[in-house]
PDB file of N, CA and C in Angstrom:
ATOM      1  N   MET A   1     -23.301   9.832  -7.450  1.00  0.00           N
ATOM      2  CA  MET A   1     -22.025   9.455  -8.067  1.00  0.00           C
ATOM      3  C   MET A   1     -22.231   9.285  -9.564  1.00  0.00           C
ATOM      4  N   SER A   2     -21.324   9.798 -10.348  1.00  0.00           N
ATOM      5  CA  SER A   2     -21.432   9.663 -11.799  1.00  0.00           C
ATOM      6  C   SER A   2     -21.113   8.238 -12.227  1.00  0.00           C
ATOM      7  N   GLN A   3     -21.613   7.875 -13.399  1.00  0.00           N
ATOM      8  CA  GLN A   3     -21.374   6.537 -13.948  1.00  0.00           C
ATOM      9  C   GLN A   3     -19.914   6.426 -14.369  1.00  0.00           C
ATOM     10  N   PRO A   4     -19.201   5.394 -13.900  1.00  0.00           N
ATOM     11  CA  PRO A   4     -17.804   5.231 -14.290  1.00  0.00           C
ATOM     12  C   PRO A   4     -17.660   4.962 -15.783  1.00  0.00           C
ATOM     13  N   VAL A   5     -16.532   5.356 -16.322  1.00  0.00           N
ATOM     14  CA  VAL A   5     -16.240   5.122 -17.730  1.00  0.00           C
ATOM     15  C   VAL A   5     -16.305   3.631 -18.008  1.00  0.00           C
ATOM     16  N   GLY A   6     -17.129   3.238 -18.968  1.00  0.00           N
ATOM     17  CA  GLY A   6     -17.233   1.834 -19.341  1.00  0.00           C
ATOM     18  C   GLY A   6     -17.903   0.964 -18.299  1.00  0.00           C
ATOM     19  N   GLY A   7     -18.372   1.563 -17.198  1.00  0.00           N
ATOM     20  CA  GLY A   7     -19.015   0.791 -16.154  1.00  0.00           C
ATOM     21  C   GLY A   7     -18.059   0.042 -15.243  1.00  0.00           C
ATOM     22  N   TRP A   8     -16.749   0.269 -15.357  1.00  0.00           N
ATOM     23  CA  TRP A   8     -15.763  -0.444 -14.541  1.00  0.00           C
ATOM     24  C   TRP A   8     -15.587   0.269 -13.214  1.00  0.00           C
ATOM     25  N   VAL A   9     -15.659  -0.489 -12.126  1.00  0.00           N
ATOM     26  CA  VAL A   9     -15.432   0.070 -10.796  1.00  0.00           C
ATOM     27  C   VAL A   9     -14.431  -0.822 -10.067  1.00  0.00           C
ATOM     28  N   PHE A  10     -13.417  -0.202  -9.490  1.00  0.00           N
ATOM     29  CA  PHE A  10     -12.392  -0.919  -8.744  1.00  0.00           C
ATOM     30  C   PHE A  10     -12.330  -0.375  -7.326  1.00  0.00           C
ATOM     31  N   SER A  11     -11.944  -1.218  -6.380  1.00  0.00           N
ATOM     32  CA  SER A  11     -11.731  -0.757  -5.009  1.00  0.00           C
ATOM     33  C   SER A  11     -10.499   0.149  -4.988  1.00  0.00           C
ATOM     34  N   SER A  12     -10.345   0.891  -3.904  1.00  0.00           N
ATOM     35  CA  SER A  12      -9.171   1.767  -3.823  1.00  0.00           C
ATOM     36  C   SER A  12      -7.879   0.945  -3.809  1.00  0.00           C
ATOM     37  N   ALA A  13      -7.900  -0.231  -3.179  1.00  0.00           N
ATOM     38  CA  ALA A  13      -6.710  -1.097  -3.191  1.00  0.00           C
ATOM     39  C   ALA A  13      -6.406  -1.561  -4.609  1.00  0.00           C
ATOM     40  N   GLN A  14      -7.430  -1.973  -5.345  1.00  0.00           N
ATOM     41  CA  GLN A  14      -7.223  -2.405  -6.729  1.00  0.00           C
ATOM     42  C   GLN A  14      -6.715  -1.254  -7.583  1.00  0.00           C
ATOM     43  N   ALA A  15      -7.211  -0.050  -7.333  1.00  0.00           N
ATOM     44  CA  ALA A  15      -6.751   1.116  -8.091  1.00  0.00           C
ATOM     45  C   ALA A  15      -5.256   1.335  -7.881  1.00  0.00           C
ATOM     46  N   ARG A  16      -4.794   1.290  -6.620  1.00  0.00           N
ATOM     47  CA  ARG A  16      -3.365   1.477  -6.329  1.00  0.00           C
ATOM     48  C   ARG A  16      -2.532   0.356  -6.944  1.00  0.00           C
ATOM     49  N   ILE A  17      -3.060  -0.858  -6.900  1.00  0.00           N
ATOM     50  CA  ILE A  17      -2.338  -1.996  -7.483  1.00  0.00           C
ATOM     51  C   ILE A  17      -2.239  -1.839  -8.991  1.00  0.00           C
ATOM     52  N   LEU A  18      -3.337  -1.467  -9.644  1.00  0.00           N
ATOM     53  CA  LEU A  18      -3.321  -1.284 -11.096  1.00  0.00           C
ATOM     54  C   LEU A  18      -2.342  -0.189 -11.492  1.00  0.00           C
ATOM     55  N   GLU A  19      -2.312   0.907 -10.741  1.00  0.00           N
ATOM     56  CA  GLU A  19      -1.343   1.968 -11.021  1.00  0.00           C
ATOM     57  C   GLU A  19       0.087   1.439 -10.907  1.00  0.00           C
ATOM     58  N   GLY A  20       0.342   0.636  -9.897  1.00  0.00           N
ATOM     59  CA  GLY A  20       1.678   0.070  -9.714  1.00  0.00           C
ATOM     60  C   GLY A  20       2.057  -0.899 -10.814  1.00  0.00           C
ATOM     61  N   VAL A  21       1.111  -1.744 -11.201  1.00  0.00           N
ATOM     62  CA  VAL A  21       1.369  -2.684 -12.302  1.00  0.00           C
ATOM     63  C   VAL A  21       1.666  -1.898 -13.576  1.00  0.00           C
ATOM     64  N   ALA A  22       0.894  -0.835 -13.819  1.00  0.00           N
ATOM     65  CA  ALA A  22       1.106  -0.015 -15.015  1.00  0.00           C
ATOM     66  C   ALA A  22       2.464   0.677 -14.988  1.00  0.00           C
ATOM     67  N   ALA A  23       2.965   0.965 -13.800  1.00  0.00           N
ATOM     68  CA  ALA A  23       4.288   1.590 -13.665  1.00  0.00           C
ATOM     69  C   ALA A  23       5.413   0.562 -13.741  1.00  0.00           C
ATOM     70  N   GLY A  24       5.056  -0.723 -13.834  1.00  0.00           N
ATOM     71  CA  GLY A  24       6.058  -1.770 -13.989  1.00  0.00           C
ATOM     72  C   GLY A  24       6.530  -2.400 -12.691  1.00  0.00           C
ATOM     73  N   PHE A  25       5.833  -2.146 -11.595  1.00  0.00           N
ATOM     74  CA  PHE A  25       6.248  -2.688 -10.302  1.00  0.00           C
ATOM     75  C   PHE A  25       5.899  -4.165 -10.184  1.00  0.00           C
ATOM     76  N   SER A  26       6.755  -4.908  -9.521  1.00  0.00           N
ATOM     77  CA  SER A  26       6.517  -6.329  -9.248  1.00  0.00           C
ATOM     78  C   SER A  26       5.538  -6.465  -8.084  1.00  0.00           C
ATOM     79  N   SER A  27       5.009  -7.664  -7.912  1.00  0.00           N
ATOM     80  CA  SER A  27       4.137  -7.931  -6.762  1.00  0.00           C
ATOM     81  C   SER A  27       4.887  -7.699  -5.455  1.00  0.00           C
ATOM     82  N   GLY A  28       6.159  -8.066  -5.426  1.00  0.00           N
ATOM     83  CA  GLY A  28       6.966  -7.858  -4.226  1.00  0.00           C
ATOM     84  C   GLY A  28       7.093  -6.393  -3.859  1.00  0.00           C
ATOM     85  N   ARG A  29       7.386  -5.568  -4.842  1.00  0.00           N
ATOM     86  CA  ARG A  29       7.517  -4.133  -4.563  1.00  0.00           C
ATOM     87  C   ARG A  29       6.180  -3.541  -4.143  1.00  0.00           C
ATOM     88  N   LEU A  30       5.108  -3.925  -4.847  1.00  0.00           N
ATOM     89  CA  LEU A  30       3.786  -3.421  -4.483  1.00  0.00           C
ATOM     90  C   LEU A  30       3.403  -3.850  -3.072  1.00  0.00           C
ATOM     91  N   SER A  31       3.733  -5.075  -2.710  1.00  0.00           N
ATOM     92  CA  SER A  31       3.384  -5.551  -1.365  1.00  0.00           C
ATOM     93  C   SER A  31       4.107  -4.734  -0.297  1.00  0.00           C
ATOM     94  N   ARG A  32       5.352  -4.384  -0.549  1.00  0.00           N
ATOM     95  CA  ARG A  32       6.104  -3.562   0.408  1.00  0.00           C
ATOM     96  C   ARG A  32       5.546  -2.145   0.486  1.00  0.00           C
ATOM     97  N   GLU A  33       5.213  -1.565  -0.656  1.00  0.00           N
ATOM     98  CA  GLU A  33       4.740  -0.182  -0.676  1.00  0.00           C
ATOM     99  C   GLU A  33       3.312  -0.035  -0.161  1.00  0.00           C
ATOM    100  N   LEU A  34       2.477  -1.051  -0.398  1.00  0.00           N
ATOM    101  CA  LEU A  34       1.064  -0.961  -0.019  1.00  0.00           C
ATOM    102  C   LEU A  34       0.755  -1.708   1.277  1.00  0.00           C
ATOM    103  N   TYR A  35       1.777  -2.312   1.870  1.00  0.00           N
ATOM    104  CA  TYR A  35       1.606  -3.070   3.113  1.00  0.00           C
ATOM    105  C   TYR A  35       0.561  -4.176   2.969  1.00  0.00           C
ATOM    106  N   LEU A  36       0.642  -4.898   1.859  1.00  0.00           N
ATOM    107  CA  LEU A  36      -0.207  -6.056   1.579  1.00  0.00           C
ATOM    108  C   LEU A  36       0.707  -7.222   1.247  1.00  0.00           C
ATOM    109  N   SER A  37       0.223  -8.439   1.424  1.00  0.00           N
ATOM    110  CA  SER A  37       1.047  -9.591   1.056  1.00  0.00           C
ATOM    111  C   SER A  37       1.124  -9.702  -0.465  1.00  0.00           C
ATOM    112  N   SER A  38       2.173 -10.325  -0.967  1.00  0.00           N
ATOM    113  CA  SER A  38       2.291 -10.503  -2.417  1.00  0.00           C
ATOM    114  C   SER A  38       1.168 -11.397  -2.940  1.00  0.00           C
ATOM    115  N   LYS A  39       0.665 -12.315  -2.114  1.00  0.00           N
ATOM    116  CA  LYS A  39      -0.478 -13.147  -2.526  1.00  0.00           C
ATOM    117  C   LYS A  39      -1.733 -12.298  -2.691  1.00  0.00           C
ATOM    118  N   THR A  40      -1.903 -11.308  -1.825  1.00  0.00           N
ATOM    119  CA  THR A  40      -3.045 -10.395  -1.954  1.00  0.00           C
ATOM    120  C   THR A  40      -2.915  -9.572  -3.227  1.00  0.00           C
ATOM    121  N   ILE A  41      -1.715  -9.098  -3.511  1.00  0.00           N
ATOM    122  CA  ILE A  41      -1.476  -8.350  -4.751  1.00  0.00           C
ATOM    123  C   ILE A  41      -1.830  -9.229  -5.947  1.00  0.00           C
ATOM    124  N   ASP A  42      -1.301 -10.443  -5.976  1.00  0.00           N
ATOM    125  CA  ASP A  42      -1.565 -11.356  -7.097  1.00  0.00           C
ATOM    126  C   ASP A  42      -3.052 -11.676  -7.221  1.00  0.00           C
ATOM    127  N   TYR A  43      -3.751 -11.819  -6.095  1.00  0.00           N
ATOM    128  CA  TYR A  43      -5.191 -12.074  -6.119  1.00  0.00           C
ATOM    129  C   TYR A  43      -5.914 -10.923  -6.817  1.00  0.00           C
ATOM    130  N   HIS A  44      -5.606  -9.692  -6.421  1.00  0.00           N
ATOM    131  CA  HIS A  44      -6.285  -8.535  -7.017  1.00  0.00           C
ATOM    132  C   HIS A  44      -5.933  -8.383  -8.495  1.00  0.00           C
ATOM    133  N   VAL A  45      -4.701  -8.683  -8.867  1.00  0.00           N
ATOM    134  CA  VAL A  45      -4.324  -8.643 -10.286  1.00  0.00           C
ATOM    135  C   VAL A  45      -5.156  -9.663 -11.065  1.00  0.00           C
ATOM    136  N   ARG A  46      -5.330 -10.862 -10.505  1.00  0.00           N
ATOM    137  CA  ARG A  46      -6.159 -11.886 -11.172  1.00  0.00           C
ATOM    138  C   ARG A  46      -7.607 -11.435 -11.300  1.00  0.00           C
ATOM    139  N   VAL A  47      -8.165 -10.865 -10.239  1.00  0.00           N
ATOM    140  CA  VAL A  47      -9.554 -10.398 -10.265  1.00  0.00           C
ATOM    141  C   VAL A  47      -9.728  -9.328 -11.340  1.00  0.00           C
ATOM    142  N   MET A  48      -8.813  -8.357 -11.378  1.00  0.00           N
ATOM    143  CA  MET A  48      -8.909  -7.297 -12.384  1.00  0.00           C
ATOM    144  C   MET A  48      -8.694  -7.855 -13.784  1.00  0.00           C
ATOM    145  N   SER A  49      -7.767  -8.782 -13.931  1.00  0.00           N
ATOM    146  CA  SER A  49      -7.517  -9.400 -15.240  1.00  0.00           C
ATOM    147  C   SER A  49      -8.752 -10.146 -15.725  1.00  0.00           C
ATOM    148  N   ASP A  50      -9.403 -10.873 -14.830  1.00  0.00           N
ATOM    149  CA  ASP A  50     -10.638 -11.573 -15.201  1.00  0.00           C
ATOM    150  C   ASP A  50     -11.723 -10.580 -15.597  1.00  0.00           C
ATOM    151  N   LYS A  51     -11.855  -9.505 -14.819  1.00  0.00           N
ATOM    152  CA  LYS A  51     -12.876  -8.492 -15.082  1.00  0.00           C
ATOM    153  C   LYS A  51     -12.681  -7.863 -16.463  1.00  0.00           C
ATOM    154  N   LEU A  52     -11.417  -7.635 -16.838  1.00  0.00           N
ATOM    155  CA  LEU A  52     -11.116  -6.989 -18.121  1.00  0.00           C
ATOM    156  C   LEU A  52     -10.761  -7.990 -19.213  1.00  0.00           C
ATOM    157  N   GLN A  53     -10.883  -9.269 -18.909  1.00  0.00           N
ATOM    158  CA  GLN A  53     -10.581 -10.345 -19.860  1.00  0.00           C
ATOM    159  C   GLN A  53      -9.165 -10.200 -20.427  1.00  0.00           C
ATOM    160  N   ALA A  54      -8.224 -10.009 -19.520  1.00  0.00           N
ATOM    161  CA  ALA A  54      -6.819  -9.840 -19.894  1.00  0.00           C
ATOM    162  C   ALA A  54      -6.029 -11.059 -19.423  1.00  0.00           C
ATOM    163  N   PRO A  55      -5.273 -11.710 -20.311  1.00  0.00           N
ATOM    164  CA  PRO A  55      -4.562 -12.932 -19.943  1.00  0.00           C
ATOM    165  C   PRO A  55      -3.291 -12.728 -19.116  1.00  0.00           C
ATOM    166  N   ASN A  56      -2.778 -11.492 -19.042  1.00  0.00           N
ATOM    167  CA  ASN A  56      -1.543 -11.240 -18.296  1.00  0.00           C
ATOM    168  C   ASN A  56      -1.469  -9.763 -17.911  1.00  0.00           C
ATOM    169  N   ARG A  57      -0.413  -9.395 -17.200  1.00  0.00           N
ATOM    170  CA  ARG A  57      -0.282  -8.017 -16.709  1.00  0.00           C
ATOM    171  C   ARG A  57      -0.174  -6.992 -17.837  1.00  0.00           C
ATOM    172  N   VAL A  58       0.557  -7.326 -18.874  1.00  0.00           N
ATOM    173  CA  VAL A  58       0.702  -6.395 -19.998  1.00  0.00           C
ATOM    174  C   VAL A  58      -0.662  -6.130 -20.629  1.00  0.00           C
ATOM    175  N   ALA A  59      -1.424  -7.182 -20.845  1.00  0.00           N
ATOM    176  CA  ALA A  59      -2.757  -7.030 -21.428  1.00  0.00           C
ATOM    177  C   ALA A  59      -3.680  -6.275 -20.475  1.00  0.00           C
ATOM    178  N   LEU A  60      -3.542  -6.506 -19.171  1.00  0.00           N
ATOM    179  CA  LEU A  60      -4.353  -5.786 -18.185  1.00  0.00           C
ATOM    180  C   LEU A  60      -4.120  -4.285 -18.297  1.00  0.00           C
ATOM    181  N   VAL A  61      -2.872  -3.888 -18.338  1.00  0.00           N
ATOM    182  CA  VAL A  61      -2.542  -2.467 -18.441  1.00  0.00           C
ATOM    183  C   VAL A  61      -3.020  -1.900 -19.777  1.00  0.00           C
ATOM    184  N   SER A  62      -2.803  -2.626 -20.860  1.00  0.00           N
ATOM    185  CA  SER A  62      -3.244  -2.165 -22.180  1.00  0.00           C
ATOM    186  C   SER A  62      -4.751  -1.964 -22.207  1.00  0.00           C
ATOM    187  N   ARG A  63      -5.496  -2.945 -21.702  1.00  0.00           N
ATOM    188  CA  ARG A  63      -6.962  -2.838 -21.672  1.00  0.00           C
ATOM    189  C   ARG A  63      -7.392  -1.667 -20.792  1.00  0.00           C
ATOM    190  N   ALA A  64      -6.713  -1.475 -19.670  1.00  0.00           N
ATOM    191  CA  ALA A  64      -7.067  -0.376 -18.772  1.00  0.00           C
ATOM    192  C   ALA A  64      -6.874   0.976 -19.455  1.00  0.00           C
ATOM    193  N   PHE A  65      -5.831   1.125 -20.261  1.00  0.00           N
ATOM    194  CA  PHE A  65      -5.647   2.372 -21.008  1.00  0.00           C
ATOM    195  C   PHE A  65      -6.709   2.518 -22.094  1.00  0.00           C
ATOM    196  N   VAL A  66      -6.960   1.463 -22.851  1.00  0.00           N
ATOM    197  CA  VAL A  66      -7.944   1.516 -23.938  1.00  0.00           C
ATOM    198  C   VAL A  66      -9.337   1.835 -23.400  1.00  0.00           C
ATOM    199  N   LEU A  67      -9.676   1.260 -22.242  1.00  0.00           N
ATOM    200  CA  LEU A  67     -10.997   1.473 -21.650  1.00  0.00           C
ATOM    201  C   LEU A  67     -11.066   2.756 -20.821  1.00  0.00           C
ATOM    202  N   GLN A  68      -9.998   3.536 -20.821  1.00  0.00           N
ATOM    203  CA  GLN A  68      -9.895   4.812 -20.113  1.00  0.00           C
ATOM    204  C   GLN A  68     -10.035   4.659 -18.602  1.00  0.00           C
ATOM    205  N   ILE A  69      -9.646   3.487 -18.101  1.00  0.00           N
ATOM    206  CA  ILE A  69      -9.586   3.275 -16.657  1.00  0.00           C
ATOM    207  C   ILE A  69      -8.337   3.957 -16.121  1.00  0.00           C
ATOM    208  N   LEU A  70      -7.245   3.849 -16.865  1.00  0.00           N
ATOM    209  CA  LEU A  70      -6.014   4.573 -16.552  1.00  0.00           C
ATOM    210  C   LEU A  70      -5.955   5.828 -17.408  1.00  0.00           C
ATOM    211  N   ARG A  71      -5.575   6.934 -16.792  1.00  0.00           N
ATOM    212  CA  ARG A  71      -5.458   8.198 -17.521  1.00  0.00           C
ATOM    213  C   ARG A  71      -4.213   8.171 -18.403  1.00  0.00           C
ATOM    214  N   THR A  72      -4.304   8.813 -19.529  1.00  0.00           N
ATOM    215  CA  THR A  72      -3.177   8.855 -20.464  1.00  0.00           C
ATOM    216  C   THR A  72      -2.346  10.127 -20.317  1.00  0.00           C
ATOM    217  N   ASP A  73      -2.721  11.001 -19.392  1.00  0.00           N
ATOM    218  CA  ASP A  73      -2.053  12.300 -19.283  1.00  0.00           C
ATOM    219  C   ASP A  73      -1.125  12.419 -18.074  1.00  0.00           C
ATOM    220  N   SER A  74      -0.743  11.284 -17.480  1.00  0.00           N
ATOM    221  CA  SER A  74       0.133  11.387 -16.313  1.00  0.00           C
ATOM    222  C   SER A  74       1.129  10.232 -16.257  1.00  0.00           C
ATOM    223  N   TRP A  75       2.264  10.502 -15.639  1.00  0.00           N
ATOM    224  CA  TRP A  75       3.236   9.460 -15.324  1.00  0.00           C
ATOM    225  C   TRP A  75       3.770   9.763 -13.934  1.00  0.00           C
ATOM    226  N   PRO A  76       3.789   8.825 -13.028  1.00  0.00           N
ATOM    227  CA  PRO A  76       3.354   7.444 -13.231  1.00  0.00           C
ATOM    228  C   PRO A  76       1.856   7.374 -13.502  1.00  0.00           C
ATOM    229  N   PRO A  77       1.402   6.264 -14.092  1.00  0.00           N
ATOM    230  CA  PRO A  77      -0.008   6.135 -14.460  1.00  0.00           C
ATOM    231  C   PRO A  77      -0.926   6.327 -13.253  1.00  0.00           C
ATOM    232  N   ARG A  78      -2.041   6.984 -13.495  1.00  0.00           N
ATOM    233  CA  ARG A  78      -3.054   7.207 -12.467  1.00  0.00           C
ATOM    234  C   ARG A  78      -4.394   6.707 -12.985  1.00  0.00           C
ATOM    235  N   ILE A  79      -5.184   6.161 -12.082  1.00  0.00           N
ATOM    236  CA  ILE A  79      -6.502   5.663 -12.445  1.00  0.00           C
ATOM    237  C   ILE A  79      -7.470   6.842 -12.521  1.00  0.00           C
ATOM    238  N   ALA A  80      -8.438   6.762 -13.424  1.00  0.00           N
ATOM    239  CA  ALA A  80      -9.464   7.795 -13.527  1.00  0.00           C
ATOM    240  C   ALA A  80     -10.307   7.757 -12.258  1.00  0.00           C
ATOM    241  N   CYS A  81     -10.518   8.889 -11.633  1.00  0.00           N
ATOM    242  CA  CYS A  81     -11.197   8.951 -10.330  1.00  0.00           C
ATOM    243  C   CYS A  81     -12.564   8.288 -10.342  1.00  0.00           C
ATOM    244  N   GLU A  82     -13.295   8.402 -11.431  1.00  0.00           N
ATOM    245  CA  GLU A  82     -14.656   7.866 -11.468  1.00  0.00           C
ATOM    246  C   GLU A  82     -14.716   6.345 -11.519  1.00  0.00           C
ATOM    247  N   THR A  83     -13.584   5.681 -11.631  1.00  0.00           N
ATOM    248  CA  THR A  83     -13.590   4.216 -11.659  1.00  0.00           C
ATOM    249  C   THR A  83     -13.273   3.606 -10.299  1.00  0.00           C
ATOM    250  N   VAL A  84     -13.114   4.444  -9.272  1.00  0.00           N
ATOM    251  CA  VAL A  84     -12.790   3.953  -7.930  1.00  0.00           C
ATOM    252  C   VAL A  84     -14.034   3.998  -7.070  1.00  0.00           C
ATOM    253  N   ASP A  85     -14.290   2.883  -6.372  1.00  0.00           N
ATOM    254  CA  ASP A  85     -15.449   2.792  -5.484  1.00  0.00           C
ATOM    255  C   ASP A  85     -15.154   3.481  -4.180  1.00  0.00           C
TER     256      ASP A  85
END
């Protein structure tokens, strides 16, 4: 497996959640679409925010773009494949 960009690795669930957050989806909508509880969504957002030292969702998405975790060439946002475990 190649080294992920910046050394960041996310689970497939975290990748889908990050894509949804970047698209502007609420925890409620993500929970319905991903069949996870909203508490689980919020937990993963907190874990990713801590990992990227982001104080809120906007900062999480911004950091993910700057660190090339999220691709800049697609909408809705997609995570770079090499950052998924």
